[in-house]
Amino acid sequence: MRTNIFIDENLLKKVMEIAGVKTKKEAVEIALREYLENHTRKNLLELKGKIMFAEDYDYKRMRAGQ
């Protein structure tokens, strides 16, 4: 998808240096991926201690009908 956006040039240069990429497109894609990964991880950590699970649960055995 082609999009025109204004990005702080210094910020973009820093991302490109740290990521070791040569194009702005690569830098933006890396930044977006990392943001999504961090956000998803944060949401999972918020569930810690809130979910009950059975220690003896074995989905493979259940799929096999045992």
PDB file of N, CA and C in Angstrom:
ATOM      1  N   MET A   1       0.848  -1.168   0.000  1.00  0.00           N
ATOM      2  CA  MET A   1       0.000   0.000   0.000  1.00  0.00           C
ATOM      3  C   MET A   1       0.897   1.235   0.000  1.00  0.00           C
ATOM      4  N   ARG A   2       0.585   2.155  -0.813  1.00  0.00           N
ATOM      5  CA  ARG A   2       1.369   3.378  -0.909  1.00  0.00           C
ATOM      6  C   ARG A   2       0.689   4.450  -0.063  1.00  0.00           C
ATOM      7  N   THR A   3       1.479   5.086   0.831  1.00  0.00           N
ATOM      8  CA  THR A   3       0.957   6.113   1.721  1.00  0.00           C
ATOM      9  C   THR A   3       1.982   7.221   1.874  1.00  0.00           C
ATOM     10  N   ASN A   4       1.512   8.448   1.905  1.00  0.00           N
ATOM     11  CA  ASN A   4       2.391   9.586   2.181  1.00  0.00           C
ATOM     12  C   ASN A   4       2.201  10.009   3.629  1.00  0.00           C
ATOM     13  N   ILE A   5       3.296  10.008   4.392  1.00  0.00           N
ATOM     14  CA  ILE A   5       3.237  10.441   5.785  1.00  0.00           C
ATOM     15  C   ILE A   5       4.461  11.298   6.091  1.00  0.00           C
ATOM     16  N   PHE A   6       4.311  12.183   7.065  1.00  0.00           N
ATOM     17  CA  PHE A   6       5.424  13.005   7.515  1.00  0.00           C
ATOM     18  C   PHE A   6       6.024  12.355   8.749  1.00  0.00           C
ATOM     19  N   ILE A   7       7.318  12.043   8.695  1.00  0.00           N
ATOM     20  CA  ILE A   7       8.022  11.389   9.798  1.00  0.00           C
ATOM     21  C   ILE A   7       9.227  12.238  10.160  1.00  0.00           C
ATOM     22  N   ASP A   8       9.466  12.390  11.446  1.00  0.00           N
ATOM     23  CA  ASP A   8      10.644  13.114  11.924  1.00  0.00           C
ATOM     24  C   ASP A   8      11.886  12.475  11.303  1.00  0.00           C
ATOM     25  N   GLU A   9      12.619  13.248  10.529  1.00  0.00           N
ATOM     26  CA  GLU A   9      13.775  12.731   9.787  1.00  0.00           C
ATOM     27  C   GLU A   9      14.846  12.165  10.712  1.00  0.00           C
ATOM     28  N   ASN A  10      15.102  12.836  11.848  1.00  0.00           N
ATOM     29  CA  ASN A  10      16.109  12.347  12.798  1.00  0.00           C
ATOM     30  C   ASN A  10      15.696  11.015  13.413  1.00  0.00           C
ATOM     31  N   LEU A  11      14.423  10.905  13.738  1.00  0.00           N
ATOM     32  CA  LEU A  11      13.905   9.664  14.304  1.00  0.00           C
ATOM     33  C   LEU A  11      14.050   8.524  13.298  1.00  0.00           C
ATOM     34  N   LEU A  12      13.700   8.796  12.077  1.00  0.00           N
ATOM     35  CA  LEU A  12      13.795   7.784  11.032  1.00  0.00           C
ATOM     36  C   LEU A  12      15.246   7.362  10.799  1.00  0.00           C
ATOM     37  N   LYS A  13      16.156   8.314  10.799  1.00  0.00           N
ATOM     38  CA  LYS A  13      17.576   7.998  10.613  1.00  0.00           C
ATOM     39  C   LYS A  13      18.094   7.117  11.743  1.00  0.00           C
ATOM     40  N   LYS A  14      17.674   7.410  12.979  1.00  0.00           N
ATOM     41  CA  LYS A  14      18.103   6.597  14.125  1.00  0.00           C
ATOM     42  C   LYS A  14      17.605   5.165  13.991  1.00  0.00           C
ATOM     43  N   VAL A  15      16.350   5.013  13.594  1.00  0.00           N
ATOM     44  CA  VAL A  15      15.788   3.668  13.410  1.00  0.00           C
ATOM     45  C   VAL A  15      16.552   2.929  12.318  1.00  0.00           C
ATOM     46  N   MET A  16      16.854   3.615  11.236  1.00  0.00           N
ATOM     47  CA  MET A  16      17.583   2.988  10.134  1.00  0.00           C
ATOM     48  C   MET A  16      18.972   2.544  10.581  1.00  0.00           C
ATOM     49  N   GLU A  17      19.643   3.363  11.383  1.00  0.00           N
ATOM     50  CA  GLU A  17      20.973   3.009  11.892  1.00  0.00           C
ATOM     51  C   GLU A  17      20.910   1.796  12.813  1.00  0.00           C
ATOM     52  N   ILE A  18      20.006   1.846  13.771  1.00  0.00           N
ATOM     53  CA  ILE A  18      19.890   0.766  14.758  1.00  0.00           C
ATOM     54  C   ILE A  18      19.486  -0.545  14.092  1.00  0.00           C
ATOM     55  N   ALA A  19      18.540  -0.459  13.157  1.00  0.00           N
ATOM     56  CA  ALA A  19      18.047  -1.665  12.485  1.00  0.00           C
ATOM     57  C   ALA A  19      19.007  -2.150  11.400  1.00  0.00           C
ATOM     58  N   GLY A  20      19.902  -1.292  10.984  1.00  0.00           N
ATOM     59  CA  GLY A  20      20.844  -1.677   9.942  1.00  0.00           C
ATOM     60  C   GLY A  20      20.205  -1.827   8.574  1.00  0.00           C
ATOM     61  N   VAL A  21      19.221  -0.976   8.292  1.00  0.00           N
ATOM     62  CA  VAL A  21      18.544  -1.028   6.995  1.00  0.00           C
ATOM     63  C   VAL A  21      18.903   0.202   6.175  1.00  0.00           C
ATOM     64  N   LYS A  22      18.665   0.108   4.877  1.00  0.00           N
ATOM     65  CA  LYS A  22      19.052   1.194   3.975  1.00  0.00           C
ATOM     66  C   LYS A  22      17.874   2.001   3.456  1.00  0.00           C
ATOM     67  N   THR A  23      16.668   1.454   3.599  1.00  0.00           N
ATOM     68  CA  THR A  23      15.513   2.180   3.059  1.00  0.00           C
ATOM     69  C   THR A  23      14.566   2.612   4.167  1.00  0.00           C
ATOM     70  N   LYS A  24      13.858   3.686   3.893  1.00  0.00           N
ATOM     71  CA  LYS A  24      12.871   4.200   4.845  1.00  0.00           C
ATOM     72  C   LYS A  24      11.733   3.197   5.012  1.00  0.00           C
ATOM     73  N   LYS A  25      11.367   2.559   3.908  1.00  0.00           N
ATOM     74  CA  LYS A  25      10.291   1.561   3.946  1.00  0.00           C
ATOM     75  C   LYS A  25      10.625   0.442   4.931  1.00  0.00           C
ATOM     76  N   GLU A  26      11.845  -0.075   4.849  1.00  0.00           N
ATOM     77  CA  GLU A  26      12.265  -1.139   5.767  1.00  0.00           C
ATOM     78  C   GLU A  26      12.214  -0.664   7.215  1.00  0.00           C
ATOM     79  N   ALA A  27      12.675   0.557   7.453  1.00  0.00           N
ATOM     80  CA  ALA A  27      12.695   1.096   8.812  1.00  0.00           C
ATOM     81  C   ALA A  27      11.285   1.216   9.379  1.00  0.00           C
ATOM     82  N   VAL A  28      10.363   1.717   8.575  1.00  0.00           N
ATOM     83  CA  VAL A  28       8.978   1.875   9.035  1.00  0.00           C
ATOM     84  C   VAL A  28       8.349   0.513   9.292  1.00  0.00           C
ATOM     85  N   GLU A  29       8.580  -0.448   8.409  1.00  0.00           N
ATOM     86  CA  GLU A  29       8.008  -1.784   8.597  1.00  0.00           C
ATOM     87  C   GLU A  29       8.557  -2.453   9.857  1.00  0.00           C
ATOM     88  N   ILE A  30       9.850  -2.315  10.095  1.00  0.00           N
ATOM     89  CA  ILE A  30      10.450  -2.888  11.307  1.00  0.00           C
ATOM     90  C   ILE A  30       9.846  -2.247  12.547  1.00  0.00           C
ATOM     91  N   ALA A  31       9.726  -0.925  12.524  1.00  0.00           N
ATOM     92  CA  ALA A  31       9.168  -0.215  13.678  1.00  0.00           C
ATOM     93  C   ALA A  31       7.731  -0.650  13.945  1.00  0.00           C
ATOM     94  N   LEU A  32       6.945  -0.802  12.901  1.00  0.00           N
ATOM     95  CA  LEU A  32       5.553  -1.232  13.072  1.00  0.00           C
ATOM     96  C   LEU A  32       5.470  -2.654  13.614  1.00  0.00           C
ATOM     97  N   ARG A  33       6.288  -3.553  13.069  1.00  0.00           N
ATOM     98  CA  ARG A  33       6.296  -4.943  13.558  1.00  0.00           C
ATOM     99  C   ARG A  33       6.674  -5.002  15.033  1.00  0.00           C
ATOM    100  N   GLU A  34       7.730  -4.290  15.399  1.00  0.00           N
ATOM    101  CA  GLU A  34       8.178  -4.312  16.791  1.00  0.00           C
ATOM    102  C   GLU A  34       7.133  -3.717  17.724  1.00  0.00           C
ATOM    103  N   TYR A  35       6.451  -2.670  17.285  1.00  0.00           N
ATOM    104  CA  TYR A  35       5.387  -2.087  18.097  1.00  0.00           C
ATOM    105  C   TYR A  35       4.290  -3.117  18.345  1.00  0.00           C
ATOM    106  N   LEU A  36       3.877  -3.806  17.285  1.00  0.00           N
ATOM    107  CA  LEU A  36       2.829  -4.821  17.430  1.00  0.00           C
ATOM    108  C   LEU A  36       3.268  -5.955  18.347  1.00  0.00           C
ATOM    109  N   GLU A  37       4.508  -6.414  18.202  1.00  0.00           N
ATOM    110  CA  GLU A  37       5.017  -7.485  19.062  1.00  0.00           C
ATOM    111  C   GLU A  37       5.035  -7.052  20.520  1.00  0.00           C
ATOM    112  N   ASN A  38       5.519  -5.855  20.783  1.00  0.00           N
ATOM    113  CA  ASN A  38       5.576  -5.356  22.160  1.00  0.00           C
ATOM    114  C   ASN A  38       4.190  -5.171  22.742  1.00  0.00           C
ATOM    115  N   HIS A  39       3.264  -4.653  21.949  1.00  0.00           N
ATOM    116  CA  HIS A  39       1.902  -4.420  22.421  1.00  0.00           C
ATOM    117  C   HIS A  39       1.209  -5.748  22.725  1.00  0.00           C
ATOM    118  N   THR A  40       1.393  -6.736  21.849  1.00  0.00           N
ATOM    119  CA  THR A  40       0.803  -8.057  22.054  1.00  0.00           C
ATOM    120  C   THR A  40       1.377  -8.713  23.299  1.00  0.00           C
ATOM    121  N   ARG A  41       2.687  -8.616  23.464  1.00  0.00           N
ATOM    122  CA  ARG A  41       3.352  -9.195  24.641  1.00  0.00           C
ATOM    123  C   ARG A  41       2.827  -8.541  25.918  1.00  0.00           C
ATOM    124  N   LYS A  42       2.636  -7.237  25.888  1.00  0.00           N
ATOM    125  CA  LYS A  42       2.133  -6.513  27.051  1.00  0.00           C
ATOM    126  C   LYS A  42       0.742  -7.017  27.418  1.00  0.00           C
ATOM    127  N   ASN A  43      -0.106  -7.209  26.409  1.00  0.00           N
ATOM    128  CA  ASN A  43      -1.458  -7.703  26.666  1.00  0.00           C
ATOM    129  C   ASN A  43      -1.425  -9.098  27.285  1.00  0.00           C
ATOM    130  N   LEU A  44      -0.524  -9.948  26.835  1.00  0.00           N
ATOM    131  CA  LEU A  44      -0.411 -11.291  27.403  1.00  0.00           C
ATOM    132  C   LEU A  44       0.053 -11.233  28.851  1.00  0.00           C
ATOM    133  N   LEU A  45       0.995 -10.347  29.144  1.00  0.00           N
ATOM    134  CA  LEU A  45       1.497 -10.226  30.513  1.00  0.00           C
ATOM    135  C   LEU A  45       0.411  -9.740  31.465  1.00  0.00           C
ATOM    136  N   GLU A  46      -0.529  -8.944  30.968  1.00  0.00           N
ATOM    137  CA  GLU A  46      -1.625  -8.464  31.808  1.00  0.00           C
ATOM    138  C   GLU A  46      -2.544  -9.606  32.238  1.00  0.00           C
ATOM    139  N   LEU A  47      -2.531 -10.719  31.507  1.00  0.00           N
ATOM    140  CA  LEU A  47      -3.374 -11.864  31.844  1.00  0.00           C
ATOM    141  C   LEU A  47      -2.763 -12.746  32.929  1.00  0.00           C
ATOM    142  N   LYS A  48      -1.491 -12.529  33.243  1.00  0.00           N
ATOM    143  CA  LYS A  48      -0.802 -13.362  34.227  1.00  0.00           C
ATOM    144  C   LYS A  48      -1.574 -13.378  35.551  1.00  0.00           C
ATOM    145  N   GLY A  49      -1.842 -14.577  36.026  1.00  0.00           N
ATOM    146  CA  GLY A  49      -2.553 -14.748  37.285  1.00  0.00           C
ATOM    147  C   GLY A  49      -4.059 -14.642  37.169  1.00  0.00           C
ATOM    148  N   LYS A  50      -4.571 -14.359  35.983  1.00  0.00           N
ATOM    149  CA  LYS A  50      -6.010 -14.186  35.805  1.00  0.00           C
ATOM    150  C   LYS A  50      -6.664 -15.386  35.124  1.00  0.00           C
ATOM    151  N   ILE A  51      -5.851 -16.268  34.576  1.00  0.00           N
ATOM    152  CA  ILE A  51      -6.388 -17.409  33.837  1.00  0.00           C
ATOM    153  C   ILE A  51      -6.119 -18.690  34.616  1.00  0.00           C
ATOM    154  N   MET A  52      -7.158 -19.467  34.816  1.00  0.00           N
ATOM    155  CA  MET A  52      -7.018 -20.755  35.481  1.00  0.00           C
ATOM    156  C   MET A  52      -6.828 -21.816  34.398  1.00  0.00           C
ATOM    157  N   PHE A  53      -5.935 -22.747  34.642  1.00  0.00           N
ATOM    158  CA  PHE A  53      -5.746 -23.824  33.683  1.00  0.00           C
ATOM    159  C   PHE A  53      -5.488 -25.126  34.426  1.00  0.00           C
ATOM    160  N   ALA A  54      -5.818 -26.228  33.750  1.00  0.00           N
ATOM    161  CA  ALA A  54      -5.648 -27.551  34.345  1.00  0.00           C
ATOM    162  C   ALA A  54      -4.241 -28.049  34.053  1.00  0.00           C
ATOM    163  N   GLU A  55      -3.522 -28.417  35.084  1.00  0.00           N
ATOM    164  CA  GLU A  55      -2.145 -28.900  34.943  1.00  0.00           C
ATOM    165  C   GLU A  55      -2.074 -30.176  34.101  1.00  0.00           C
ATOM    166  N   ASP A  56      -3.127 -31.016  34.171  1.00  0.00           N
ATOM    167  CA  ASP A  56      -3.107 -32.297  33.471  1.00  0.00           C
ATOM    168  C   ASP A  56      -3.766 -32.239  32.089  1.00  0.00           C
ATOM    169  N   TYR A  57      -4.063 -31.060  31.594  1.00  0.00           N
ATOM    170  CA  TYR A  57      -4.706 -30.910  30.285  1.00  0.00           C
ATOM    171  C   TYR A  57      -3.758 -31.364  29.179  1.00  0.00           C
ATOM    172  N   ASP A  58      -4.244 -32.269  28.331  1.00  0.00           N
ATOM    173  CA  ASP A  58      -3.430 -32.791  27.234  1.00  0.00           C
ATOM    174  C   ASP A  58      -4.275 -32.768  25.961  1.00  0.00           C
ATOM    175  N   TYR A  59      -4.126 -31.713  25.184  1.00  0.00           N
ATOM    176  CA  TYR A  59      -4.947 -31.565  23.987  1.00  0.00           C
ATOM    177  C   TYR A  59      -4.674 -32.664  22.957  1.00  0.00           C
ATOM    178  N   LYS A  60      -3.462 -33.174  22.921  1.00  0.00           N
ATOM    179  CA  LYS A  60      -3.139 -34.235  21.960  1.00  0.00           C
ATOM    180  C   LYS A  60      -3.922 -35.502  22.281  1.00  0.00           C
ATOM    181  N   ARG A  61      -4.020 -35.817  23.560  1.00  0.00           N
ATOM    182  CA  ARG A  61      -4.766 -37.008  23.966  1.00  0.00           C
ATOM    183  C   ARG A  61      -6.247 -36.818  23.663  1.00  0.00           C
ATOM    184  N   MET A  62      -6.764 -35.609  23.887  1.00  0.00           N
ATOM    185  CA  MET A  62      -8.174 -35.342  23.615  1.00  0.00           C
ATOM    186  C   MET A  62      -8.471 -35.446  22.121  1.00  0.00           C
ATOM    187  N   ARG A  63      -7.566 -34.957  21.285  1.00  0.00           N
ATOM    188  CA  ARG A  63      -7.765 -35.043  19.837  1.00  0.00           C
ATOM    189  C   ARG A  63      -7.771 -36.489  19.364  1.00  0.00           C
ATOM    190  N   ALA A  64      -6.969 -37.314  20.005  1.00  0.00           N
ATOM    191  CA  ALA A  64      -6.894 -38.724  19.632  1.00  0.00           C
ATOM    192  C   ALA A  64      -8.101 -39.498  20.149  1.00  0.00           C
ATOM    193  N   GLY A  65      -8.935 -38.856  20.956  1.00  0.00           N
ATOM    194  CA  GLY A  65     -10.131 -39.500  21.479  1.00  0.00           C
ATOM    195  C   GLY A  65      -9.872 -40.397  22.661  1.00  0.00           C
ATOM    196  N   GLN A  66      -8.787 -40.164  23.355  1.00  0.00           N
ATOM    197  CA  GLN A  66      -8.448 -41.010  24.505  1.00  0.00           C
ATOM    198  C   GLN A  66      -8.896 -40.370  25.789  1.00  0.00           C
TER     199      GLN A  66
END
